[in-house]
Amino acid sequence: MIVANPLETMDAPTIEAAVLFSDGRSERTATPMPKPAFAAWLLDLIAAERGDQGCNRAGATSVPAPSIVTNRQPKLGHALAAVN
């Protein structure tokens, strides 16, 4: 998985990003969202790919998943960060 997001979000309180999968699929946040909510969404996405239960483990804060747009290509100029 690769997470792509604009460089402008590095110091911003919100993030809008795309997650690219090795099989060509992609998922994208529909709108900018607070970084803590994005982190929970991303961990749930990773867990779903692995077949785990996600962030809803004992002691974890449950955050509703944002709506997403699938199979859209990220804009050029996004920073890329490898996720596992």
Protein backbone atom coordinates (compact mmCIF):
# COMPACT_ATOMS: atom_id res chain seq x y z
CA MET A 1 0.00 0.00 0.00
CA ILE A 2 1.13 3.53 -0.75
CA VAL A 3 -0.45 6.65 0.78
CA ALA A 4 -0.33 9.74 -1.45
CA ASN A 5 -1.21 13.18 -0.16
CA PRO A 6 -0.41 16.80 -1.08
CA LEU A 7 2.73 18.28 0.47
CA GLU A 8 0.57 21.16 1.72
CA THR A 9 -1.05 18.81 4.26
CA MET A 10 2.20 18.14 6.14
CA ASP A 11 1.63 20.98 8.62
CA ALA A 12 -2.14 21.25 8.17
CA PRO A 13 -4.70 19.96 10.69
CA THR A 14 -6.53 18.06 7.93
CA ILE A 15 -5.54 15.64 5.19
CA GLU A 16 -6.96 14.49 1.88
CA ALA A 17 -5.24 11.41 0.55
CA ALA A 18 -5.32 8.43 -1.80
CA VAL A 19 -4.29 4.89 -0.90
CA LEU A 20 -2.88 2.86 -3.78
CA PHE A 21 -2.82 -0.95 -3.68
CA SER A 22 -0.36 -3.23 -5.47
CA ASP A 23 -3.20 -4.81 -7.48
CA GLY A 24 -4.14 -1.44 -9.02
CA ARG A 25 -7.06 -0.58 -6.75
CA SER A 26 -7.20 2.77 -5.00
CA GLU A 27 -9.25 4.40 -2.28
CA ARG A 28 -9.47 8.10 -1.59
CA THR A 29 -10.95 10.33 1.06
CA ALA A 30 -13.89 12.26 -0.37
CA THR A 31 -13.03 15.45 1.51
CA PRO A 32 -10.25 16.76 3.77
CA MET A 33 -10.54 15.27 7.26
CA PRO A 34 -8.83 15.71 10.64
CA LYS A 35 -5.57 13.77 10.82
CA PRO A 36 -6.62 11.64 13.85
CA ALA A 37 -9.76 10.53 11.96
CA PHE A 38 -7.67 9.80 8.87
CA ALA A 39 -5.23 7.71 10.92
CA ALA A 40 -8.08 5.58 12.29
CA TRP A 41 -9.55 5.22 8.77
CA LEU A 42 -6.16 4.20 7.37
CA LEU A 43 -5.55 1.65 10.14
CA ASP A 44 -9.00 0.17 9.50
CA LEU A 45 -8.21 0.00 5.77
CA ILE A 46 -4.93 -1.78 6.50
CA ALA A 47 -6.65 -4.16 8.90
CA ALA A 48 -9.34 -4.95 6.32
CA GLU A 49 -6.64 -5.82 3.79
CA ARG A 50 -5.02 -8.13 6.33
CA GLY A 51 -8.33 -9.60 7.51
CA ASP A 52 -7.98 -8.09 11.01
CA GLN A 53 -10.67 -6.39 13.09
CA GLY A 54 -9.36 -2.85 12.59
CA CYS A 55 -9.15 -0.01 15.11
CA ASN A 56 -12.22 -1.08 17.06
CA ARG A 57 -10.08 -3.00 19.55
CA ALA A 58 -10.51 -2.69 23.30
CA GLY A 59 -9.39 0.74 24.45
CA ALA A 60 -9.36 2.24 20.96
CA THR A 61 -11.47 5.21 20.02
CA SER A 62 -14.04 4.41 17.38
CA VAL A 63 -14.13 6.98 14.59
CA PRO A 64 -16.75 6.73 11.84
CA ALA A 65 -15.16 5.99 8.48
CA PRO A 66 -15.32 8.86 6.01
CA SER A 67 -16.98 8.43 2.68
CA ILE A 68 -14.50 7.43 0.03
CA VAL A 69 -14.18 7.56 -3.72
CA THR A 70 -12.63 4.44 -5.23
CA ASN A 71 -10.49 3.79 -8.29
CA ARG A 72 -9.51 7.42 -8.87
CA GLN A 73 -5.95 8.32 -9.71
CA PRO A 74 -4.13 10.76 -7.38
CA LYS A 75 -3.11 14.13 -8.74
CA LEU A 76 0.50 14.58 -9.83
CA GLY A 77 2.72 16.23 -7.29
CA HIS A 78 1.47 14.24 -4.28
CA ALA A 79 4.03 13.08 -1.80
CA LEU A 80 4.26 9.32 -1.51
CA ALA A 81 4.86 7.37 1.67
CA ALA A 82 5.05 3.58 1.72
CA VAL A 83 2.83 1.81 4.20
CA ASN A 84 4.06 -1.70 4.97
